[in-house]
Amino acid sequence: MLTAVERVLILKGADLLAGVGPRHLLGLAHLAQEIEIARGQTLYRDEDPADALYLVVEGRVRLSTGERTASEVGPGEAFGTWALVDDSRRGQSAVALEDGLVLSLRRSDFYEEAAGDVTLLQEVIRVLAQRLRALVTDRPEEARVEPEGRPDEAPEPQDEKPRSA
């Protein structure tokens, strides 16, 4: 069984939670569940609802879409992070490559904790904004984000009523 301090340090490893203060992380640490995993065990399938963030404490997990491996995650790494902010389907499967232990933080628990203090949500939004900016910078052709400010070529607004002279 992990101590509260160990859980805080593990949660801090999730990029969405990296900027969250210790008091908030301690609250989340009490809500996180330890799950023992066995080699070959499916943690979730691509069509499952995204309802929890996972952090690997021990072992390795393969994330895949269909037959294609997207990545492998190990100790100190998080996966399923979008589950904290998006209630869509997973979009990939997670299968344990080794026996181990993961920490799971359910979205409903996260929001229940965050409901009492907007600072926690502000930190998560800040990280999401950084991810979005990186996407716009690194792959602008894939980013469907409205530009900031008003574009220079924007047409002048036209009145719908004729002007009287």
C-alpha atoms as a PDB file:
ATOM      1  CA  MET A   1       0.000   0.000   0.000  1.00  0.00           C
ATOM      2  CA  LEU A   2       1.373   3.408  -1.022  1.00  0.00           C
ATOM      3  CA  THR A   3       1.673   6.249   1.458  1.00  0.00           C
ATOM      4  CA  ALA A   4      -0.051   9.569   0.814  1.00  0.00           C
ATOM      5  CA  VAL A   5       3.331  11.175   0.044  1.00  0.00           C
ATOM      6  CA  GLU A   6       4.155   8.459  -2.509  1.00  0.00           C
ATOM      7  CA  ARG A   7       0.767   8.968  -4.154  1.00  0.00           C
ATOM      8  CA  VAL A   8       1.327  12.755  -4.321  1.00  0.00           C
ATOM      9  CA  LEU A   9       4.694  12.245  -6.035  1.00  0.00           C
ATOM     10  CA  ILE A  10       3.171   9.793  -8.504  1.00  0.00           C
ATOM     11  CA  LEU A  11       0.245  12.106  -9.298  1.00  0.00           C
ATOM     12  CA  LYS A  12       2.660  14.980  -9.881  1.00  0.00           C
ATOM     13  CA  GLY A  13       4.087  12.853 -12.717  1.00  0.00           C
ATOM     14  CA  ALA A  14       0.939  13.340 -14.794  1.00  0.00           C
ATOM     15  CA  ASP A  15       1.521  16.351 -17.037  1.00  0.00           C
ATOM     16  CA  LEU A  16      -2.031  17.603 -16.465  1.00  0.00           C
ATOM     17  CA  LEU A  17      -1.314  17.710 -12.734  1.00  0.00           C
ATOM     18  CA  ALA A  18       2.319  18.890 -12.830  1.00  0.00           C
ATOM     19  CA  GLY A  19       1.457  22.470 -11.834  1.00  0.00           C
ATOM     20  CA  VAL A  20      -1.048  21.539  -9.151  1.00  0.00           C
ATOM     21  CA  GLY A  21      -0.026  22.482  -5.617  1.00  0.00           C
ATOM     22  CA  PRO A  22       0.718  19.964  -2.870  1.00  0.00           C
ATOM     23  CA  ARG A  23      -2.509  20.607  -0.967  1.00  0.00           C
ATOM     24  CA  HIS A  24      -4.588  19.780  -4.041  1.00  0.00           C
ATOM     25  CA  LEU A  25      -2.435  16.774  -4.904  1.00  0.00           C
ATOM     26  CA  LEU A  26      -2.883  15.452  -1.377  1.00  0.00           C
ATOM     27  CA  GLY A  27      -6.654  15.686  -1.776  1.00  0.00           C
ATOM     28  CA  LEU A  28      -6.442  13.809  -5.094  1.00  0.00           C
ATOM     29  CA  ALA A  29      -4.038  11.253  -3.593  1.00  0.00           C
ATOM     30  CA  HIS A  30      -6.698  10.212  -1.093  1.00  0.00           C
ATOM     31  CA  LEU A  31      -9.130   9.621  -3.966  1.00  0.00           C
ATOM     32  CA  ALA A  32      -6.752   7.661  -6.215  1.00  0.00           C
ATOM     33  CA  GLN A  33      -7.158   3.899  -6.248  1.00  0.00           C
ATOM     34  CA  GLU A  34      -4.339   1.373  -6.392  1.00  0.00           C
ATOM     35  CA  ILE A  35      -4.921  -1.345  -8.972  1.00  0.00           C
ATOM     36  CA  GLU A  36      -2.710  -4.405  -9.274  1.00  0.00           C
ATOM     37  CA  ILE A  37      -2.258  -5.410 -12.902  1.00  0.00           C
ATOM     38  CA  ALA A  38      -1.263  -8.765 -14.372  1.00  0.00           C
ATOM     39  CA  ARG A  39       0.610  -9.376 -17.617  1.00  0.00           C
ATOM     40  CA  GLY A  40      -1.891  -9.555 -20.486  1.00  0.00           C
ATOM     41  CA  GLN A  41      -4.682  -7.855 -18.524  1.00  0.00           C
ATOM     42  CA  THR A  42      -6.748  -5.323 -20.483  1.00  0.00           C
ATOM     43  CA  LEU A  43      -7.233  -2.159 -18.459  1.00  0.00           C
ATOM     44  CA  TYR A  44      -9.576  -0.685 -21.058  1.00  0.00           C
ATOM     45  CA  ARG A  45     -10.573  -1.070 -24.713  1.00  0.00           C
ATOM     46  CA  ASP A  46     -10.798   1.648 -27.346  1.00  0.00           C
ATOM     47  CA  GLU A  47     -14.602   1.776 -27.221  1.00  0.00           C
ATOM     48  CA  ASP A  48     -14.754   2.049 -23.409  1.00  0.00           C
ATOM     49  CA  PRO A  49     -15.729   5.408 -21.912  1.00  0.00           C
ATOM     50  CA  ALA A  50     -12.780   7.551 -20.844  1.00  0.00           C
ATOM     51  CA  ASP A  51     -13.512   7.841 -17.143  1.00  0.00           C
ATOM     52  CA  ALA A  52     -10.137   7.708 -15.362  1.00  0.00           C
ATOM     53  CA  LEU A  53      -6.509   8.781 -15.570  1.00  0.00           C
ATOM     54  CA  TYR A  54      -3.893   6.088 -14.891  1.00  0.00           C
ATOM     55  CA  LEU A  55      -0.331   6.384 -13.583  1.00  0.00           C
ATOM     56  CA  VAL A  56       2.103   3.490 -13.713  1.00  0.00           C
ATOM     57  CA  VAL A  57       3.763   2.755 -10.393  1.00  0.00           C
ATOM     58  CA  GLU A  58       5.311  -0.594 -11.381  1.00  0.00           C
ATOM     59  CA  GLY A  59       5.253  -2.548 -14.638  1.00  0.00           C
ATOM     60  CA  ARG A  60       4.622  -1.515 -18.252  1.00  0.00           C
ATOM     61  CA  VAL A  61       1.447  -0.891 -20.250  1.00  0.00           C
ATOM     62  CA  ARG A  62       1.020  -0.932 -24.034  1.00  0.00           C
ATOM     63  CA  LEU A  63      -1.358   1.591 -25.594  1.00  0.00           C
ATOM     64  CA  SER A  64      -2.597   0.569 -29.027  1.00  0.00           C
ATOM     65  CA  THR A  65      -5.099   1.427 -31.690  1.00  0.00           C
ATOM     66  CA  GLY A  66      -6.255  -1.689 -33.472  1.00  0.00           C
ATOM     67  CA  GLU A  67      -3.107  -3.763 -34.034  1.00  0.00           C
ATOM     68  CA  ARG A  68      -0.778  -0.714 -34.037  1.00  0.00           C
ATOM     69  CA  THR A  69       1.140   0.089 -30.853  1.00  0.00           C
ATOM     70  CA  ALA A  70       0.900   3.813 -30.133  1.00  0.00           C
ATOM     71  CA  SER A  71       3.271   3.750 -27.145  1.00  0.00           C
ATOM     72  CA  GLU A  72       4.410   1.911 -24.064  1.00  0.00           C
ATOM     73  CA  VAL A  73       4.369   3.534 -20.641  1.00  0.00           C
ATOM     74  CA  GLY A  74       6.282   2.572 -17.536  1.00  0.00           C
ATOM     75  CA  PRO A  75       6.884   3.679 -13.952  1.00  0.00           C
ATOM     76  CA  GLY A  76       6.263   7.371 -13.373  1.00  0.00           C
ATOM     77  CA  GLU A  77       4.304   7.800 -16.612  1.00  0.00           C
ATOM     78  CA  ALA A  78       0.618   8.595 -17.009  1.00  0.00           C
ATOM     79  CA  PHE A  79      -1.870   7.477 -19.631  1.00  0.00           C
ATOM     80  CA  GLY A  80      -5.503   8.217 -20.293  1.00  0.00           C
ATOM     81  CA  THR A  81      -4.952  11.788 -19.114  1.00  0.00           C
ATOM     82  CA  TRP A  82      -7.658  13.240 -21.364  1.00  0.00           C
ATOM     83  CA  ALA A  83     -10.184  11.272 -19.319  1.00  0.00           C
ATOM     84  CA  LEU A  84     -10.034  13.996 -16.662  1.00  0.00           C
ATOM     85  CA  VAL A  85     -11.420  16.589 -19.069  1.00  0.00           C
ATOM     86  CA  ASP A  86     -13.148  14.687 -21.878  1.00  0.00           C
ATOM     87  CA  ASP A  87     -15.937  12.135 -21.539  1.00  0.00           C
ATOM     88  CA  SER A  88     -15.539  10.572 -24.979  1.00  0.00           C
ATOM     89  CA  ARG A  89     -14.497   7.001 -25.764  1.00  0.00           C
ATOM     90  CA  ARG A  90     -10.912   5.913 -25.054  1.00  0.00           C
ATOM     91  CA  GLY A  91      -9.844   5.638 -28.694  1.00  0.00           C
ATOM     92  CA  GLN A  92      -7.125   3.116 -27.817  1.00  0.00           C
ATOM     93  CA  SER A  93      -6.653   0.016 -25.727  1.00  0.00           C
ATOM     94  CA  ALA A  94      -4.395  -0.367 -22.692  1.00  0.00           C
ATOM     95  CA  VAL A  95      -2.914  -3.794 -21.939  1.00  0.00           C
ATOM     96  CA  ALA A  96      -0.438  -4.689 -19.198  1.00  0.00           C
ATOM     97  CA  LEU A  97       2.869  -5.950 -20.582  1.00  0.00           C
ATOM     98  CA  GLU A  98       4.119  -6.901 -17.104  1.00  0.00           C
ATOM     99  CA  ASP A  99       2.719  -7.506 -13.666  1.00  0.00           C
ATOM    100  CA  GLY A 100       2.625  -4.268 -11.726  1.00  0.00           C
ATOM    101  CA  LEU A 101       0.646  -1.534 -10.060  1.00  0.00           C
ATOM    102  CA  VAL A 102      -1.172   1.515 -11.402  1.00  0.00           C
ATOM    103  CA  LEU A 103      -2.851   4.406  -9.683  1.00  0.00           C
ATOM    104  CA  SER A 104      -6.265   5.349 -11.050  1.00  0.00           C
ATOM    105  CA  LEU A 105      -7.985   8.712 -10.613  1.00  0.00           C
ATOM    106  CA  ARG A 106     -11.601   8.749 -11.743  1.00  0.00           C
ATOM    107  CA  ARG A 107     -12.914  11.875 -13.475  1.00  0.00           C
ATOM    108  CA  SER A 108     -15.943  12.042 -11.176  1.00  0.00           C
ATOM    109  CA  ASP A 109     -13.666  12.040  -8.105  1.00  0.00           C
ATOM    110  CA  PHE A 110     -11.409  14.666  -9.696  1.00  0.00           C
ATOM    111  CA  TYR A 111     -14.346  17.010 -10.341  1.00  0.00           C
ATOM    112  CA  GLU A 112     -15.795  16.432  -6.904  1.00  0.00           C
ATOM    113  CA  GLU A 113     -12.455  17.497  -5.396  1.00  0.00           C
ATOM    114  CA  ALA A 114     -12.090  20.425  -7.825  1.00  0.00           C
ATOM    115  CA  ALA A 115     -15.617  21.702  -7.201  1.00  0.00           C
ATOM    116  CA  GLY A 116     -14.565  23.301  -3.946  1.00  0.00           C
ATOM    117  CA  ASP A 117     -11.492  25.092  -5.278  1.00  0.00           C
ATOM    118  CA  VAL A 118     -11.146  26.672  -8.697  1.00  0.00           C
ATOM    119  CA  THR A 119      -7.322  26.746  -8.452  1.00  0.00           C
ATOM    120  CA  LEU A 120      -7.127  23.049  -9.282  1.00  0.00           C
ATOM    121  CA  LEU A 121      -9.162  23.539 -12.452  1.00  0.00           C
ATOM    122  CA  GLN A 122      -7.138  26.616 -13.404  1.00  0.00           C
ATOM    123  CA  GLU A 123      -3.913  24.617 -13.300  1.00  0.00           C
ATOM    124  CA  VAL A 124      -5.361  21.865 -15.482  1.00  0.00           C
ATOM    125  CA  ILE A 125      -6.698  24.426 -17.974  1.00  0.00           C
ATOM    126  CA  ARG A 126      -3.267  26.083 -18.066  1.00  0.00           C
ATOM    127  CA  VAL A 127      -1.619  22.783 -19.026  1.00  0.00           C
ATOM    128  CA  LEU A 128      -4.279  22.122 -21.675  1.00  0.00           C
ATOM    129  CA  ALA A 129      -3.682  25.586 -23.131  1.00  0.00           C
ATOM    130  CA  GLN A 130       0.054  24.843 -23.313  1.00  0.00           C
ATOM    131  CA  ARG A 131      -0.679  21.577 -25.153  1.00  0.00           C
ATOM    132  CA  LEU A 132      -2.932  23.416 -27.575  1.00  0.00           C
ATOM    133  CA  ARG A 133      -0.338  26.121 -28.231  1.00  0.00           C
ATOM    134  CA  ALA A 134       2.293  23.449 -28.881  1.00  0.00           C
ATOM    135  CA  LEU A 135      -0.031  21.753 -31.363  1.00  0.00           C
ATOM    136  CA  VAL A 136      -0.661  25.014 -33.186  1.00  0.00           C
ATOM    137  CA  THR A 137       3.072  25.731 -33.311  1.00  0.00           C
ATOM    138  CA  ASP A 138       4.296  22.225 -34.174  1.00  0.00           C
ATOM    139  CA  ARG A 139       1.526  21.066 -36.512  1.00  0.00           C
ATOM    140  CA  PRO A 140      -0.504  24.051 -37.674  1.00  0.00           C
ATOM    141  CA  GLU A 141      -2.033  22.059 -40.525  1.00  0.00           C
ATOM    142  CA  GLU A 142      -3.679  19.745 -37.977  1.00  0.00           C
ATOM    143  CA  ALA A 143      -4.713  22.437 -35.537  1.00  0.00           C
ATOM    144  CA  ARG A 144      -8.235  23.696 -35.913  1.00  0.00           C
ATOM    145  CA  VAL A 145      -8.025  26.599 -33.559  1.00  0.00           C
ATOM    146  CA  GLU A 146      -9.324  30.094 -34.084  1.00  0.00           C
ATOM    147  CA  PRO A 147      -6.477  32.594 -34.239  1.00  0.00           C
ATOM    148  CA  GLU A 148      -6.144  35.127 -31.465  1.00  0.00           C
ATOM    149  CA  GLY A 149      -7.168  38.673 -32.212  1.00  0.00           C
ATOM    150  CA  ARG A 150      -8.700  39.826 -35.431  1.00  0.00           C
ATOM    151  CA  PRO A 151      -7.087  38.743 -38.715  1.00  0.00           C
ATOM    152  CA  ASP A 152      -5.681  41.563 -40.849  1.00  0.00           C
ATOM    153  CA  GLU A 153      -7.662  40.495 -43.908  1.00  0.00           C
ATOM    154  CA  ALA A 154     -10.990  40.417 -42.125  1.00  0.00           C
ATOM    155  CA  PRO A 155     -13.682  42.233 -44.097  1.00  0.00           C
ATOM    156  CA  GLU A 156     -15.127  45.343 -42.573  1.00  0.00           C
ATOM    157  CA  PRO A 157     -18.481  44.740 -40.937  1.00  0.00           C
ATOM    158  CA  GLN A 158     -21.302  45.817 -43.158  1.00  0.00           C
ATOM    159  CA  ASP A 159     -24.472  47.452 -41.917  1.00  0.00           C
ATOM    160  CA  GLU A 160     -27.579  45.638 -42.924  1.00  0.00           C
ATOM    161  CA  LYS A 161     -29.606  48.856 -43.059  1.00  0.00           C
ATOM    162  CA  PRO A 162     -28.981  51.378 -45.810  1.00  0.00           C
ATOM    163  CA  ARG A 163     -27.493  54.611 -44.568  1.00  0.00           C
ATOM    164  CA  SER A 164     -29.541  57.777 -44.926  1.00  0.00           C
ATOM    165  CA  ALA A 165     -27.786  60.745 -46.454  1.00  0.00           C
END
